[in-house]
């Protein structure tokens, strides 16, 4: 495994892995792009990423600033664009 940019590493076969932590059980682990979801909304409050902790099974939702959005989209994380209503 090689270390890359802030929270990224590459595993076997060149797959991108993201470092993550669970706020409930405090476990630290690496997740592949398919284990994460990114939601991009119209504001900072509605832009976040989420995953399920592989240790305790908790659903985790964390805010995603511009840099996190860049890293996740560049690493192939599935993205949902949230639409605002007028």
PDB file of N, CA and C in Angstrom:
ATOM      1  N   UNK A   1       0.844  -1.163   0.000  1.00  0.00           N
ATOM      2  CA  UNK A   1       0.000   0.000   0.000  1.00  0.00           C
ATOM      3  C   UNK A   1       0.896   1.235   0.000  1.00  0.00           C
ATOM      4  N   UNK A   2       0.523   2.227  -0.793  1.00  0.00           N
ATOM      5  CA  UNK A   2       1.288   3.468  -0.808  1.00  0.00           C
ATOM      6  C   UNK A   2       0.420   4.600  -0.282  1.00  0.00           C
ATOM      7  N   UNK A   3       1.053   5.549   0.354  1.00  0.00           N
ATOM      8  CA  UNK A   3       0.345   6.701   0.905  1.00  0.00           C
ATOM      9  C   UNK A   3       0.295   7.796  -0.139  1.00  0.00           C
ATOM     10  N   UNK A   4      -0.838   8.461  -0.178  1.00  0.00           N
ATOM     11  CA  UNK A   4      -1.007   9.537  -1.140  1.00  0.00           C
ATOM     12  C   UNK A   4      -1.364  10.829  -0.428  1.00  0.00           C
ATOM     13  N   UNK A   5      -2.219  11.598  -1.050  1.00  0.00           N
ATOM     14  CA  UNK A   5      -2.648  12.888  -0.549  1.00  0.00           C
ATOM     15  C   UNK A   5      -3.585  12.724   0.639  1.00  0.00           C
ATOM     16  N   UNK A   6      -3.457  13.573   1.620  1.00  0.00           N
ATOM     17  CA  UNK A   6      -4.337  13.720   2.791  1.00  0.00           C
ATOM     18  C   UNK A   6      -5.468  12.717   2.902  1.00  0.00           C
ATOM     19  N   UNK A   7      -5.230  11.629   3.584  1.00  0.00           N
ATOM     20  CA  UNK A   7      -6.280  10.662   3.837  1.00  0.00           C
ATOM     21  C   UNK A   7      -6.491   9.637   2.747  1.00  0.00           C
ATOM     22  N   UNK A   8      -5.673   9.644   1.727  1.00  0.00           N
ATOM     23  CA  UNK A   8      -5.801   8.697   0.628  1.00  0.00           C
ATOM     24  C   UNK A   8      -4.620   7.741   0.605  1.00  0.00           C
ATOM     25  N   UNK A   9      -4.883   6.534   0.190  1.00  0.00           N
ATOM     26  CA  UNK A   9      -3.806   5.588  -0.069  1.00  0.00           C
ATOM     27  C   UNK A   9      -4.268   4.684  -1.190  1.00  0.00           C
ATOM     28  N   UNK A  10      -3.346   3.968  -1.774  1.00  0.00           N
ATOM     29  CA  UNK A  10      -3.707   3.017  -2.812  1.00  0.00           C
ATOM     30  C   UNK A  10      -3.387   1.623  -2.331  1.00  0.00           C
ATOM     31  N   UNK A  11      -4.327   0.738  -2.521  1.00  0.00           N
ATOM     32  CA  UNK A  11      -4.148  -0.648  -2.107  1.00  0.00           C
ATOM     33  C   UNK A  11      -3.712  -1.495  -3.278  1.00  0.00           C
ATOM     34  N   UNK A  12      -3.919  -2.774  -3.136  1.00  0.00           N
ATOM     35  CA  UNK A  12      -3.580  -3.703  -4.221  1.00  0.00           C
ATOM     36  C   UNK A  12      -4.390  -3.382  -5.466  1.00  0.00           C
ATOM     37  N   UNK A  13      -3.774  -3.496  -6.586  1.00  0.00           N
ATOM     38  CA  UNK A  13      -4.461  -3.233  -7.845  1.00  0.00           C
ATOM     39  C   UNK A  13      -4.698  -1.762  -8.114  1.00  0.00           C
ATOM     40  N   UNK A  14      -4.110  -0.879  -7.306  1.00  0.00           N
ATOM     41  CA  UNK A  14      -4.247   0.557  -7.530  1.00  0.00           C
ATOM     42  C   UNK A  14      -5.552   1.146  -7.057  1.00  0.00           C
ATOM     43  N   UNK A  15      -6.383   0.377  -6.329  1.00  0.00           N
ATOM     44  CA  UNK A  15      -7.650   0.901  -5.833  1.00  0.00           C
ATOM     45  C   UNK A  15      -7.392   2.002  -4.805  1.00  0.00           C
ATOM     46  N   UNK A  16      -8.184   3.069  -4.862  1.00  0.00           N
ATOM     47  CA  UNK A  16      -8.041   4.170  -3.920  1.00  0.00           C
ATOM     48  C   UNK A  16      -8.740   3.808  -2.621  1.00  0.00           C
ATOM     49  N   UNK A  17      -8.054   4.053  -1.508  1.00  0.00           N
ATOM     50  CA  UNK A  17      -8.613   3.817  -0.177  1.00  0.00           C
ATOM     51  C   UNK A  17      -8.638   5.137   0.583  1.00  0.00           C
ATOM     52  N   UNK A  18      -9.698   5.351   1.341  1.00  0.00           N
ATOM     53  CA  UNK A  18      -9.859   6.573   2.116  1.00  0.00           C
ATOM     54  C   UNK A  18      -9.779   6.245   3.598  1.00  0.00           C
ATOM     55  N   UNK A  19      -9.009   7.032   4.345  1.00  0.00           N
ATOM     56  CA  UNK A  19      -8.950   6.862   5.790  1.00  0.00           C
ATOM     57  C   UNK A  19     -10.222   7.431   6.391  1.00  0.00           C
ATOM     58  N   UNK A  20     -10.783   6.717   7.353  1.00  0.00           N
ATOM     59  CA  UNK A  20     -12.003   7.179   8.007  1.00  0.00           C
ATOM     60  C   UNK A  20     -11.980   6.745   9.458  1.00  0.00           C
ATOM     61  N   UNK A  21     -12.857   7.336  10.249  1.00  0.00           N
ATOM     62  CA  UNK A  21     -12.980   6.990  11.660  1.00  0.00           C
ATOM     63  C   UNK A  21     -14.445   7.073  12.061  1.00  0.00           C
ATOM     64  N   UNK A  22     -14.824   6.242  13.002  1.00  0.00           N
ATOM     65  CA  UNK A  22     -16.193   6.217  13.498  1.00  0.00           C
ATOM     66  C   UNK A  22     -16.258   7.031  14.794  1.00  0.00           C
ATOM     67  N   UNK A  23     -17.169   8.005  14.878  1.00  0.00           N
ATOM     68  CA  UNK A  23     -17.290   8.785  16.107  1.00  0.00           C
ATOM     69  C   UNK A  23     -17.939   7.990  17.248  1.00  0.00           C
ATOM     70  N   UNK A  24     -18.637   6.908  16.927  1.00  0.00           N
ATOM     71  CA  UNK A  24     -19.306   6.115  17.964  1.00  0.00           C
ATOM     72  C   UNK A  24     -18.361   5.144  18.660  1.00  0.00           C
ATOM     73  N   UNK A  25     -17.698   4.288  17.891  1.00  0.00           N
ATOM     74  CA  UNK A  25     -16.808   3.284  18.503  1.00  0.00           C
ATOM     75  C   UNK A  25     -15.341   3.698  18.458  1.00  0.00           C
ATOM     76  N   UNK A  26     -15.035   4.807  17.768  1.00  0.00           N
ATOM     77  CA  UNK A  26     -13.685   5.362  17.641  1.00  0.00           C
ATOM     78  C   UNK A  26     -12.717   4.492  16.843  1.00  0.00           C
ATOM     79  N   UNK A  27     -13.240   3.550  16.100  1.00  0.00           N
ATOM     80  CA  UNK A  27     -12.394   2.712  15.244  1.00  0.00           C
ATOM     81  C   UNK A  27     -11.858   3.551  14.083  1.00  0.00           C
ATOM     82  N   UNK A  28     -10.663   3.214  13.618  1.00  0.00           N
ATOM     83  CA  UNK A  28     -10.050   3.849  12.450  1.00  0.00           C
ATOM     84  C   UNK A  28      -9.817   2.765  11.419  1.00  0.00           C
ATOM     85  N   UNK A  29     -10.098   3.081  10.163  1.00  0.00           N
ATOM     86  CA  UNK A  29     -10.031   2.072   9.110  1.00  0.00           C
ATOM     87  C   UNK A  29      -9.894   2.755   7.762  1.00  0.00           C
ATOM     88  N   UNK A  30      -9.725   1.965   6.719  1.00  0.00           N
ATOM     89  CA  UNK A  30      -9.683   2.462   5.345  1.00  0.00           C
ATOM     90  C   UNK A  30     -10.865   1.884   4.587  1.00  0.00           C
ATOM     91  N   UNK A  31     -11.485   2.724   3.765  1.00  0.00           N
ATOM     92  CA  UNK A  31     -12.647   2.312   2.980  1.00  0.00           C
ATOM     93  C   UNK A  31     -12.391   2.548   1.503  1.00  0.00           C
ATOM     94  N   UNK A  32     -12.909   1.663   0.682  1.00  0.00           N
ATOM     95  CA  UNK A  32     -12.862   1.856  -0.759  1.00  0.00           C
ATOM     96  C   UNK A  32     -13.950   2.820  -1.197  1.00  0.00           C
ATOM     97  N   UNK A  33     -13.863   3.302  -2.417  1.00  0.00           N
ATOM     98  CA  UNK A  33     -14.820   4.278  -2.939  1.00  0.00           C
ATOM     99  C   UNK A  33     -16.253   3.767  -2.898  1.00  0.00           C
ATOM    100  N   UNK A  34     -16.460   2.477  -3.065  1.00  0.00           N
ATOM    101  CA  UNK A  34     -17.825   1.948  -3.078  1.00  0.00           C
ATOM    102  C   UNK A  34     -18.478   1.957  -1.701  1.00  0.00           C
ATOM    103  N   UNK A  35     -17.699   2.112  -0.645  1.00  0.00           N
ATOM    104  CA  UNK A  35     -18.240   2.128   0.721  1.00  0.00           C
ATOM    105  C   UNK A  35     -18.671   3.524   1.167  1.00  0.00           C
ATOM    106  N   UNK A  36     -18.369   4.532   0.361  1.00  0.00           N
ATOM    107  CA  UNK A  36     -18.679   5.917   0.711  1.00  0.00           C
ATOM    108  C   UNK A  36     -19.714   6.493  -0.239  1.00  0.00           C
ATOM    109  N   UNK A  37     -20.479   7.473   0.254  1.00  0.00           N
ATOM    110  CA  UNK A  37     -21.423   8.231  -0.565  1.00  0.00           C
ATOM    111  C   UNK A  37     -21.177   9.698  -0.291  1.00  0.00           C
ATOM    112  N   UNK A  38     -21.238  10.522  -1.320  1.00  0.00           N
ATOM    113  CA  UNK A  38     -21.050  11.958  -1.192  1.00  0.00           C
ATOM    114  C   UNK A  38     -22.321  12.657  -1.650  1.00  0.00           C
ATOM    115  N   UNK A  39     -22.832  13.557  -0.835  1.00  0.00           N
ATOM    116  CA  UNK A  39     -24.010  14.356  -1.201  1.00  0.00           C
ATOM    117  C   UNK A  39     -23.573  15.811  -1.275  1.00  0.00           C
ATOM    118  N   UNK A  40     -23.807  16.439  -2.419  1.00  0.00           N
ATOM    119  CA  UNK A  40     -23.422  17.832  -2.614  1.00  0.00           C
ATOM    120  C   UNK A  40     -24.688  18.674  -2.677  1.00  0.00           C
ATOM    121  N   UNK A  41     -24.817  19.554  -1.698  1.00  0.00           N
ATOM    122  CA  UNK A  41     -25.983  20.421  -1.623  1.00  0.00           C
ATOM    123  C   UNK A  41     -25.636  21.849  -1.966  1.00  0.00           C
ATOM    124  N   UNK A  42     -26.572  22.733  -1.704  1.00  0.00           N
ATOM    125  CA  UNK A  42     -26.395  24.139  -2.028  1.00  0.00           C
ATOM    126  C   UNK A  42     -25.627  24.916  -0.979  1.00  0.00           C
ATOM    127  N   UNK A  43     -25.283  24.269   0.140  1.00  0.00           N
ATOM    128  CA  UNK A  43     -24.557  24.963   1.203  1.00  0.00           C
ATOM    129  C   UNK A  43     -23.630  23.986   1.916  1.00  0.00           C
ATOM    130  N   UNK A  44     -22.835  24.520   2.842  1.00  0.00           N
ATOM    131  CA  UNK A  44     -21.932  23.667   3.631  1.00  0.00           C
ATOM    132  C   UNK A  44     -22.724  22.688   4.488  1.00  0.00           C
ATOM    133  N   UNK A  45     -23.891  23.109   4.971  1.00  0.00           N
ATOM    134  CA  UNK A  45     -24.703  22.250   5.834  1.00  0.00           C
ATOM    135  C   UNK A  45     -25.305  21.078   5.089  1.00  0.00           C
ATOM    136  N   UNK A  46     -25.455  21.213   3.788  1.00  0.00           N
ATOM    137  CA  UNK A  46     -26.071  20.139   3.013  1.00  0.00           C
ATOM    138  C   UNK A  46     -25.078  19.391   2.126  1.00  0.00           C
ATOM    139  N   UNK A  47     -23.798  19.601   2.349  1.00  0.00           N
ATOM    140  CA  UNK A  47     -22.757  18.865   1.626  1.00  0.00           C
ATOM    141  C   UNK A  47     -22.040  17.978   2.635  1.00  0.00           C
ATOM    142  N   UNK A  48     -22.132  16.668   2.416  1.00  0.00           N
ATOM    143  CA  UNK A  48     -21.585  15.724   3.390  1.00  0.00           C
ATOM    144  C   UNK A  48     -21.241  14.406   2.719  1.00  0.00           C
ATOM    145  N   UNK A  49     -20.480  13.587   3.423  1.00  0.00           N
ATOM    146  CA  UNK A  49     -20.239  12.216   2.975  1.00  0.00           C
ATOM    147  C   UNK A  49     -20.705  11.278   4.072  1.00  0.00           C
ATOM    148  N   UNK A  50     -21.008  10.050   3.677  1.00  0.00           N
ATOM    149  CA  UNK A  50     -21.506   9.093   4.652  1.00  0.00           C
ATOM    150  C   UNK A  50     -20.979   7.699   4.347  1.00  0.00           C
ATOM    151  N   UNK A  51     -20.972   6.878   5.394  1.00  0.00           N
ATOM    152  CA  UNK A  51     -20.547   5.490   5.277  1.00  0.00           C
ATOM    153  C   UNK A  51     -21.076   4.729   6.479  1.00  0.00           C
ATOM    154  N   UNK A  52     -20.996   3.418   6.415  1.00  0.00           N
ATOM    155  CA  UNK A  52     -21.350   2.564   7.546  1.00  0.00           C
ATOM    156  C   UNK A  52     -20.062   2.048   8.163  1.00  0.00           C
ATOM    157  N   UNK A  53     -19.941   2.196   9.472  1.00  0.00           N
ATOM    158  CA  UNK A  53     -18.741   1.739  10.165  1.00  0.00           C
ATOM    159  C   UNK A  53     -18.640   0.215  10.054  1.00  0.00           C
ATOM    160  N   UNK A  54     -17.518  -0.288   9.553  1.00  0.00           N
ATOM    161  CA  UNK A  54     -17.362  -1.740   9.424  1.00  0.00           C
ATOM    162  C   UNK A  54     -17.170  -2.442  10.775  1.00  0.00           C
ATOM    163  N   UNK A  55     -16.853  -1.689  11.818  1.00  0.00           N
ATOM    164  CA  UNK A  55     -16.637  -2.270  13.141  1.00  0.00           C
ATOM    165  C   UNK A  55     -17.934  -2.413  13.936  1.00  0.00           C
ATOM    166  N   UNK A  56     -18.716  -1.318  14.026  1.00  0.00           N
ATOM    167  CA  UNK A  56     -19.916  -1.337  14.874  1.00  0.00           C
ATOM    168  C   UNK A  56     -21.230  -1.246  14.103  1.00  0.00           C
ATOM    169  N   UNK A  57     -21.154  -0.963  12.798  1.00  0.00           N
ATOM    170  CA  UNK A  57     -22.363  -0.905  11.973  1.00  0.00           C
ATOM    171  C   UNK A  57     -23.119   0.411  12.035  1.00  0.00           C
ATOM    172  N   UNK A  58     -22.582   1.422  12.708  1.00  0.00           N
ATOM    173  CA  UNK A  58     -23.242   2.722  12.795  1.00  0.00           C
ATOM    174  C   UNK A  58     -23.217   3.436  11.452  1.00  0.00           C
ATOM    175  N   UNK A  59     -24.277   4.164  11.162  1.00  0.00           N
ATOM    176  CA  UNK A  59     -24.302   5.042   9.997  1.00  0.00           C
ATOM    177  C   UNK A  59     -23.608   6.336  10.397  1.00  0.00           C
ATOM    178  N   UNK A  60     -22.610   6.735   9.611  1.00  0.00           N
ATOM    179  CA  UNK A  60     -21.811   7.917   9.934  1.00  0.00           C
ATOM    180  C   UNK A  60     -22.011   8.953   8.832  1.00  0.00           C
ATOM    181  N   UNK A  61     -22.223  10.193   9.249  1.00  0.00           N
ATOM    182  CA  UNK A  61     -22.379  11.302   8.306  1.00  0.00           C
ATOM    183  C   UNK A  61     -21.464  12.419   8.772  1.00  0.00           C
ATOM    184  N   UNK A  62     -20.595  12.890   7.858  1.00  0.00           N
ATOM    185  CA  UNK A  62     -19.641  13.942   8.193  1.00  0.00           C
ATOM    186  C   UNK A  62     -19.688  15.054   7.151  1.00  0.00           C
ATOM    187  N   UNK A  63     -19.454  16.301   7.571  1.00  0.00           N
ATOM    188  CA  UNK A  63     -19.448  17.414   6.612  1.00  0.00           C
ATOM    189  C   UNK A  63     -18.294  17.276   5.624  1.00  0.00           C
ATOM    190  N   UNK A  64     -18.518  17.776   4.419  1.00  0.00           N
ATOM    191  CA  UNK A  64     -17.486  17.713   3.372  1.00  0.00           C
ATOM    192  C   UNK A  64     -17.244  19.105   2.810  1.00  0.00           C
ATOM    193  N   UNK A  65     -16.077  19.647   3.126  1.00  0.00           N
ATOM    194  CA  UNK A  65     -15.675  20.925   2.551  1.00  0.00           C
ATOM    195  C   UNK A  65     -15.162  20.719   1.133  1.00  0.00           C
ATOM    196  N   UNK A  66     -14.706  21.790   0.526  1.00  0.00           N
ATOM    197  CA  UNK A  66     -14.257  21.737  -0.868  1.00  0.00           C
ATOM    198  C   UNK A  66     -13.159  20.701  -1.099  1.00  0.00           C
ATOM    199  N   UNK A  67     -12.173  20.667  -0.213  1.00  0.00           N
ATOM    200  CA  UNK A  67     -11.045  19.732  -0.387  1.00  0.00           C
ATOM    201  C   UNK A  67     -11.515  18.280  -0.288  1.00  0.00           C
ATOM    202  N   UNK A  68     -12.392  17.977   0.657  1.00  0.00           N
ATOM    203  CA  UNK A  68     -12.926  16.619   0.801  1.00  0.00           C
ATOM    204  C   UNK A  68     -13.730  16.239  -0.436  1.00  0.00           C
ATOM    205  N   UNK A  69     -14.533  17.161  -0.940  1.00  0.00           N
ATOM    206  CA  UNK A  69     -15.307  16.901  -2.161  1.00  0.00           C
ATOM    207  C   UNK A  69     -14.368  16.567  -3.315  1.00  0.00           C
ATOM    208  N   UNK A  70     -13.284  17.329  -3.462  1.00  0.00           N
ATOM    209  CA  UNK A  70     -12.304  17.070  -4.528  1.00  0.00           C
ATOM    210  C   UNK A  70     -11.690  15.682  -4.395  1.00  0.00           C
ATOM    211  N   UNK A  71     -11.271  15.335  -3.187  1.00  0.00           N
ATOM    212  CA  UNK A  71     -10.638  14.032  -2.958  1.00  0.00           C
ATOM    213  C   UNK A  71     -11.605  12.878  -3.228  1.00  0.00           C
ATOM    214  N   UNK A  72     -12.822  12.995  -2.723  1.00  0.00           N
ATOM    215  CA  UNK A  72     -13.790  11.908  -2.889  1.00  0.00           C
ATOM    216  C   UNK A  72     -14.224  11.746  -4.343  1.00  0.00           C
ATOM    217  N   UNK A  73     -14.517  12.843  -5.028  1.00  0.00           N
ATOM    218  CA  UNK A  73     -14.926  12.716  -6.430  1.00  0.00           C
ATOM    219  C   UNK A  73     -13.768  12.224  -7.289  1.00  0.00           C
ATOM    220  N   UNK A  74     -12.558  12.706  -7.001  1.00  0.00           N
ATOM    221  CA  UNK A  74     -11.376  12.255  -7.739  1.00  0.00           C
ATOM    222  C   UNK A  74     -11.057  10.787  -7.502  1.00  0.00           C
ATOM    223  N   UNK A  75     -11.483  10.271  -6.356  1.00  0.00           N
ATOM    224  CA  UNK A  75     -11.236   8.872  -6.013  1.00  0.00           C
ATOM    225  C   UNK A  75     -12.347   7.930  -6.423  1.00  0.00           C
ATOM    226  N   UNK A  76     -13.354   8.466  -7.115  1.00  0.00           N
ATOM    227  CA  UNK A  76     -14.410   7.604  -7.644  1.00  0.00           C
ATOM    228  C   UNK A  76     -15.592   7.341  -6.731  1.00  0.00           C
ATOM    229  N   UNK A  77     -15.759   8.143  -5.681  1.00  0.00           N
ATOM    230  CA  UNK A  77     -16.908   7.973  -4.783  1.00  0.00           C
ATOM    231  C   UNK A  77     -18.174   8.417  -5.500  1.00  0.00           C
ATOM    232  N   UNK A  78     -19.229   7.606  -5.362  1.00  0.00           N
ATOM    233  CA  UNK A  78     -20.506   7.930  -5.988  1.00  0.00           C
ATOM    234  C   UNK A  78     -21.060   9.212  -5.376  1.00  0.00           C
ATOM    235  N   UNK A  79     -21.513  10.120  -6.232  1.00  0.00           N
ATOM    236  CA  UNK A  79     -21.945  11.443  -5.793  1.00  0.00           C
ATOM    237  C   UNK A  79     -23.409  11.681  -6.124  1.00  0.00           C
ATOM    238  N   UNK A  80     -24.106  12.262  -5.161  1.00  0.00           N
ATOM    239  CA  UNK A  80     -25.500  12.646  -5.327  1.00  0.00           C
ATOM    240  C   UNK A  80     -25.565  14.162  -5.215  1.00  0.00           C
ATOM    241  N   UNK A  81     -26.131  14.801  -6.216  1.00  0.00           N
ATOM    242  CA  UNK A  81     -26.274  16.249  -6.167  1.00  0.00           C
ATOM    243  C   UNK A  81     -27.677  16.565  -5.685  1.00  0.00           C
ATOM    244  N   UNK A  82     -27.760  17.258  -4.566  1.00  0.00           N
ATOM    245  CA  UNK A  82     -29.039  17.619  -3.988  1.00  0.00           C
ATOM    246  C   UNK A  82     -29.534  18.903  -4.634  1.00  0.00           C
ATOM    247  N   UNK A  83     -30.771  18.901  -5.039  1.00  0.00           N
ATOM    248  CA  UNK A  83     -31.351  20.073  -5.690  1.00  0.00           C
ATOM    249  C   UNK A  83     -32.094  20.919  -4.667  1.00  0.00           C
ATOM    250  N   UNK A  84     -32.017  22.234  -4.823  1.00  0.00           N
ATOM    251  CA  UNK A  84     -32.759  23.124  -3.953  1.00  0.00           C
ATOM    252  C   UNK A  84     -34.064  23.486  -4.621  1.00  0.00           C
ATOM    253  N   UNK A  85     -35.078  23.694  -3.813  1.00  0.00           N
ATOM    254  CA  UNK A  85     -36.377  24.082  -4.362  1.00  0.00           C
ATOM    255  C   UNK A  85     -36.509  25.593  -4.277  1.00  0.00           C
ATOM    256  N   UNK A  86     -37.194  26.164  -5.216  1.00  0.00           N
ATOM    257  CA  UNK A  86     -37.369  27.617  -5.255  1.00  0.00           C
ATOM    258  C   UNK A  86     -38.536  28.047  -4.435  1.00  0.00           C
TER     259      UNK A  86
END
